[in-house]
């Protein structure tokens, strides 16, 4: 059974940006794997860091259970993300355990540093999974099958400087909106946090708006997730494109800006 691993920054990022594509793959028999590298401990104005981390861990685990995915624990606290060898060892271990053909992760350029660091670690771990001389933490055996990396759209489909980012291709989510709402609703603690700190009013509506904006960019789908394929060097063959292949009937190619 082929597997896909989503590597995101915070609990709920996968549900906002990636889970629809994972669910479409699951319909086709793919094995799902799920990790948020941050523990979510800073995502509250009323809970202590320890209470917040525990709450958000349970929320993420429940969402993961409902989507039928394998869950991996976070590796550092919110806003303490860094690109270090120690963190790379931890993410490499996750990749080796999941043995994915596809790694889904954040855009290299996104609105906050935690997303960008998660992306860098995901890309490096997808590269290092086949290096026997790189000892992962915890130890996990290297494997040598190709891994193709795909980058989700940045939040708002824009770089931190406001430039529009056009995906290489779009995956239809129009039949999955209710399912995505169910999964995002597991992260109930984030309604209060986002309302107070980012003025997002309804986090469910925000997710729908994000997917609708991407769908509008596709010119065909009501709701969509957008993806850009990472360059193949050191990861996979030049013609490897397993996400496009698996979901060919649900994809519209991006148009040059």
Protein backbone atom coordinates (compact mmCIF):
# COMPACT_ATOMS: atom_id res chain seq x y z
CA UNK A 1 0.00 0.00 0.00
CA UNK A 2 1.54 3.39 -0.95
CA UNK A 3 1.73 6.00 1.80
CA UNK A 4 1.58 9.77 2.07
CA UNK A 5 3.04 11.77 4.96
CA UNK A 6 1.83 15.28 5.80
CA UNK A 7 4.38 17.33 7.75
CA UNK A 8 2.96 20.61 9.05
CA UNK A 9 3.79 23.17 11.70
CA UNK A 10 0.78 23.40 14.02
CA UNK A 11 -2.24 21.33 15.00
CA UNK A 12 -4.94 22.31 12.44
CA UNK A 13 -2.54 23.29 9.61
CA UNK A 14 -3.05 19.94 7.90
CA UNK A 15 -6.82 20.37 8.14
CA UNK A 16 -6.65 23.88 6.64
CA UNK A 17 -4.25 23.18 3.80
CA UNK A 18 -3.64 19.49 3.09
CA UNK A 19 -6.26 17.10 4.43
CA UNK A 20 -8.54 17.13 1.40
CA UNK A 21 -5.76 15.82 -0.81
CA UNK A 22 -4.97 13.17 1.80
CA UNK A 23 -8.60 12.06 1.89
CA UNK A 24 -8.71 11.83 -1.90
CA UNK A 25 -5.63 9.58 -1.76
CA UNK A 26 -7.21 7.47 1.00
CA UNK A 27 -10.18 6.79 -1.31
CA UNK A 28 -7.66 5.24 -3.69
CA UNK A 29 -6.10 3.00 -1.07
CA UNK A 30 -3.24 5.15 0.18
CA UNK A 31 -2.01 4.87 3.78
CA UNK A 32 -2.12 8.23 5.62
CA UNK A 33 0.50 9.59 8.05
CA UNK A 34 0.14 12.82 10.03
CA UNK A 35 2.55 14.97 12.05
CA UNK A 36 2.50 18.52 13.40
CA UNK A 37 6.01 19.51 14.46
CA UNK A 38 4.85 22.20 16.96
CA UNK A 39 2.99 21.23 20.13
CA UNK A 40 0.46 24.09 19.96
CA UNK A 41 1.37 25.29 23.45
CA UNK A 42 1.23 29.00 22.60
CA UNK A 43 -2.16 28.85 20.87
CA UNK A 44 -4.38 30.17 23.68
CA UNK A 45 -5.10 33.35 25.60
CA UNK A 46 -6.71 31.50 28.54
CA UNK A 47 -4.88 28.17 28.97
CA UNK A 48 -1.38 27.67 30.38
CA UNK A 49 1.23 26.35 27.92
CA UNK A 50 0.97 22.88 29.44
CA UNK A 51 -2.84 22.87 29.37
CA UNK A 52 -2.88 24.21 25.85
CA UNK A 53 -0.39 21.63 24.55
CA UNK A 54 -2.36 18.80 26.18
CA UNK A 55 -5.66 20.08 24.77
CA UNK A 56 -4.33 20.51 21.27
CA UNK A 57 -2.62 17.12 21.32
CA UNK A 58 -5.97 15.45 22.05
CA UNK A 59 -7.67 17.52 19.34
CA UNK A 60 -5.05 16.56 16.73
CA UNK A 61 -5.17 12.90 17.74
CA UNK A 62 -8.96 12.86 17.36
CA UNK A 63 -8.80 14.46 13.92
CA UNK A 64 -6.12 11.97 12.92
CA UNK A 65 -8.23 9.08 14.20
CA UNK A 66 -11.26 10.23 12.22
CA UNK A 67 -9.26 10.46 9.00
CA UNK A 68 -7.77 7.00 9.61
CA UNK A 69 -4.16 8.21 9.69
CA UNK A 70 -1.10 7.23 11.72
CA UNK A 71 -0.20 9.93 14.27
CA UNK A 72 3.32 11.09 15.21
CA UNK A 73 4.00 13.31 18.22
CA UNK A 74 5.25 16.91 17.91
CA UNK A 75 8.94 17.55 18.44
CA UNK A 76 9.14 21.13 19.80
CA UNK A 77 7.04 23.93 21.30
CA UNK A 78 5.37 26.72 19.34
CA UNK A 79 7.71 29.50 18.24
CA UNK A 80 10.73 27.36 19.19
CA UNK A 81 11.05 25.84 15.74
CA UNK A 82 14.57 25.89 14.37
CA UNK A 83 16.44 24.24 11.57
CA UNK A 84 18.94 22.15 13.51
CA UNK A 85 20.54 18.77 13.09
CA UNK A 86 18.78 17.52 16.23
CA UNK A 87 15.38 18.39 14.77
CA UNK A 88 16.35 16.95 11.40
CA UNK A 89 17.19 13.64 13.11
CA UNK A 90 13.67 13.56 14.61
CA UNK A 91 11.87 14.35 11.36
CA UNK A 92 14.06 11.89 9.44
CA UNK A 93 12.95 9.19 11.87
CA UNK A 94 9.30 10.00 11.14
CA UNK A 95 9.88 9.82 7.38
CA UNK A 96 11.68 6.48 7.73
CA UNK A 97 8.87 5.07 9.85
CA UNK A 98 6.13 6.27 7.48
CA UNK A 99 7.99 5.23 4.29
CA UNK A 100 6.00 7.66 2.13
CA UNK A 101 6.07 7.92 -1.62
CA UNK A 102 4.64 11.44 -1.16
CA UNK A 103 5.53 14.08 1.43
CA UNK A 104 3.11 17.00 1.71
CA UNK A 105 4.35 20.10 3.51
CA UNK A 106 4.11 23.88 3.71
CA UNK A 107 5.13 26.44 1.15
CA UNK A 108 8.83 27.43 1.39
CA UNK A 109 7.66 31.03 1.76
CA UNK A 110 4.71 31.52 4.11
CA UNK A 111 3.29 34.08 6.49
CA UNK A 112 5.13 32.83 9.59
CA UNK A 113 8.45 31.25 10.49
CA UNK A 114 7.06 28.06 12.05
CA UNK A 115 5.57 27.10 8.66
CA UNK A 116 8.81 27.81 6.82
CA UNK A 117 10.95 25.86 9.30
CA UNK A 118 8.58 22.88 9.12
CA UNK A 119 8.93 23.00 5.34
CA UNK A 120 12.73 23.07 5.48
CA UNK A 121 12.86 20.13 7.90
CA UNK A 122 10.38 18.14 5.81
CA UNK A 123 12.37 18.66 2.62
CA UNK A 124 15.68 17.75 4.26
CA UNK A 125 14.21 14.65 5.91
CA UNK A 126 12.74 13.53 2.59
CA UNK A 127 16.29 13.83 1.22
CA UNK A 128 18.08 12.15 4.16
CA UNK A 129 15.76 9.16 4.61
CA UNK A 130 18.12 7.07 2.49
CA UNK A 131 21.38 8.08 4.21
CA UNK A 132 22.49 5.13 6.37
CA UNK A 133 25.19 7.27 7.97
CA UNK A 134 22.63 9.77 9.26
CA UNK A 135 21.39 8.38 12.57
CA UNK A 136 17.79 9.35 13.21
CA UNK A 137 16.19 9.96 16.60
CA UNK A 138 14.69 7.59 17.52
CA UNK A 139 16.70 5.18 15.38
CA UNK A 140 14.88 3.95 12.29
CA UNK A 141 16.24 2.03 9.33
CA UNK A 142 16.99 3.89 6.14
CA UNK A 143 14.97 3.06 3.06
CA UNK A 144 15.82 3.86 -0.50
CA UNK A 145 12.57 4.24 -2.39
CA UNK A 146 11.96 7.61 -4.06
CA UNK A 147 10.08 10.32 -2.17
CA UNK A 148 8.37 13.14 -4.04
CA UNK A 149 7.77 16.37 -2.11
CA UNK A 150 4.83 18.69 -2.75
CA UNK A 151 4.31 22.15 -1.26
CA UNK A 152 0.88 23.38 -0.20
CA UNK A 153 -0.23 26.90 -0.93
CA UNK A 154 0.87 29.58 1.53
CA UNK A 155 -1.89 30.94 3.73
CA UNK A 156 -4.01 33.32 1.64
CA UNK A 157 -2.29 32.10 -1.57
CA UNK A 158 0.31 34.83 -1.06
CA UNK A 159 3.90 35.23 0.05
CA UNK A 160 4.64 37.28 3.20
CA UNK A 161 5.11 40.28 0.88
CA UNK A 162 1.72 39.84 -0.73
CA UNK A 163 2.66 38.34 -4.10
CA UNK A 164 0.14 35.81 -5.41
CA UNK A 165 1.45 32.24 -5.54
CA UNK A 166 0.10 30.12 -8.40
CA UNK A 167 0.06 26.34 -7.85
CA UNK A 168 1.47 23.91 -10.37
CA UNK A 169 -1.87 22.10 -10.14
CA UNK A 170 -5.15 22.03 -8.22
CA UNK A 171 -6.89 19.10 -6.52
CA UNK A 172 -10.68 19.18 -6.36
CA UNK A 173 -12.14 19.34 -2.83
CA UNK A 174 -15.74 20.14 -3.76
CA UNK A 175 -17.13 16.83 -2.47
CA UNK A 176 -15.14 16.96 0.78
CA UNK A 177 -16.18 20.25 2.39
CA UNK A 178 -18.36 18.62 5.06
CA UNK A 179 -15.65 16.07 5.85
CA UNK A 180 -13.04 18.82 6.17
CA UNK A 181 -15.36 20.77 8.48
CA UNK A 182 -15.73 17.66 10.66
CA UNK A 183 -11.97 17.26 10.96
CA UNK A 184 -11.19 20.94 11.53
CA UNK A 185 -13.94 21.08 14.16
CA UNK A 186 -11.84 18.70 16.27
CA UNK A 187 -9.56 21.68 16.90
CA UNK A 188 -12.21 23.53 18.91
CA UNK A 189 -9.69 25.36 21.12
CA UNK A 190 -8.59 27.37 18.10
CA UNK A 191 -11.88 29.22 17.62
CA UNK A 192 -11.25 31.35 20.73
CA UNK A 193 -7.58 31.86 19.90
CA UNK A 194 -8.12 32.87 16.28
CA UNK A 195 -11.09 35.09 17.11
CA UNK A 196 -9.10 37.05 19.69
CA UNK A 197 -5.67 37.19 18.09
CA UNK A 198 -6.24 37.22 14.33
CA UNK A 199 -9.81 38.39 13.90
CA UNK A 200 -10.72 35.30 11.93
CA UNK A 201 -14.28 35.23 13.35
CA UNK A 202 -15.11 31.66 12.36
CA UNK A 203 -12.21 29.33 11.77
CA UNK A 204 -14.49 26.96 9.89
CA UNK A 205 -15.58 29.72 7.51
CA UNK A 206 -11.95 30.78 7.11
CA UNK A 207 -11.04 27.27 5.97
CA UNK A 208 -13.90 27.32 3.46
CA UNK A 209 -12.84 30.76 2.23
CA UNK A 210 -9.23 29.62 1.77
CA UNK A 211 -10.34 26.57 -0.23
CA UNK A 212 -12.86 28.62 -2.22
CA UNK A 213 -10.17 31.18 -3.13
CA UNK A 214 -7.93 28.40 -4.38
CA UNK A 215 -10.87 26.86 -6.24
CA UNK A 216 -11.54 30.17 -7.95
CA UNK A 217 -7.89 30.31 -9.04
CA UNK A 218 -8.33 26.89 -10.68
CA UNK A 219 -11.08 28.24 -12.93
CA UNK A 220 -13.00 24.99 -12.53
CA UNK A 221 -13.46 23.77 -8.94
CA UNK A 222 -15.66 25.31 -6.25
CA UNK A 223 -13.15 24.28 -3.57
CA UNK A 224 -9.56 23.18 -4.15
CA UNK A 225 -6.14 22.67 -2.64
CA UNK A 226 -3.14 23.81 -4.66
CA UNK A 227 0.24 22.09 -4.90
CA UNK A 228 3.71 22.77 -6.24
CA UNK A 229 6.09 19.88 -6.89
CA UNK A 230 9.60 20.15 -5.44
CA UNK A 231 12.52 19.71 -7.83
CA UNK A 232 13.38 16.01 -8.19
CA UNK A 233 17.16 16.15 -7.65
CA UNK A 234 18.15 13.81 -4.80
CA UNK A 235 14.54 12.86 -4.02
CA UNK A 236 12.99 10.93 -6.91
CA UNK A 237 13.20 10.34 -10.64
CA UNK A 238 12.79 13.26 -13.03
CA UNK A 239 9.46 11.90 -14.24
CA UNK A 240 8.13 10.77 -10.86
CA UNK A 241 4.89 12.60 -10.05
CA UNK A 242 2.83 10.24 -7.87
CA UNK A 243 0.31 12.81 -6.67
CA UNK A 244 -0.66 13.87 -10.17
CA UNK A 245 -0.77 10.22 -11.23
CA UNK A 246 -2.92 9.04 -8.31
CA UNK A 247 -5.45 11.89 -8.57
CA UNK A 248 -5.35 12.54 -12.32
CA UNK A 249 -9.14 12.66 -12.61
CA UNK A 250 -9.39 15.32 -9.86
CA UNK A 251 -6.65 17.68 -11.07
CA UNK A 252 -6.58 20.84 -13.12
CA UNK A 253 -3.19 22.13 -14.18
CA UNK A 254 -2.14 25.60 -13.07
CA UNK A 255 -1.87 28.41 -15.53
CA UNK A 256 1.17 30.66 -15.76
CA UNK A 257 0.54 34.04 -14.09
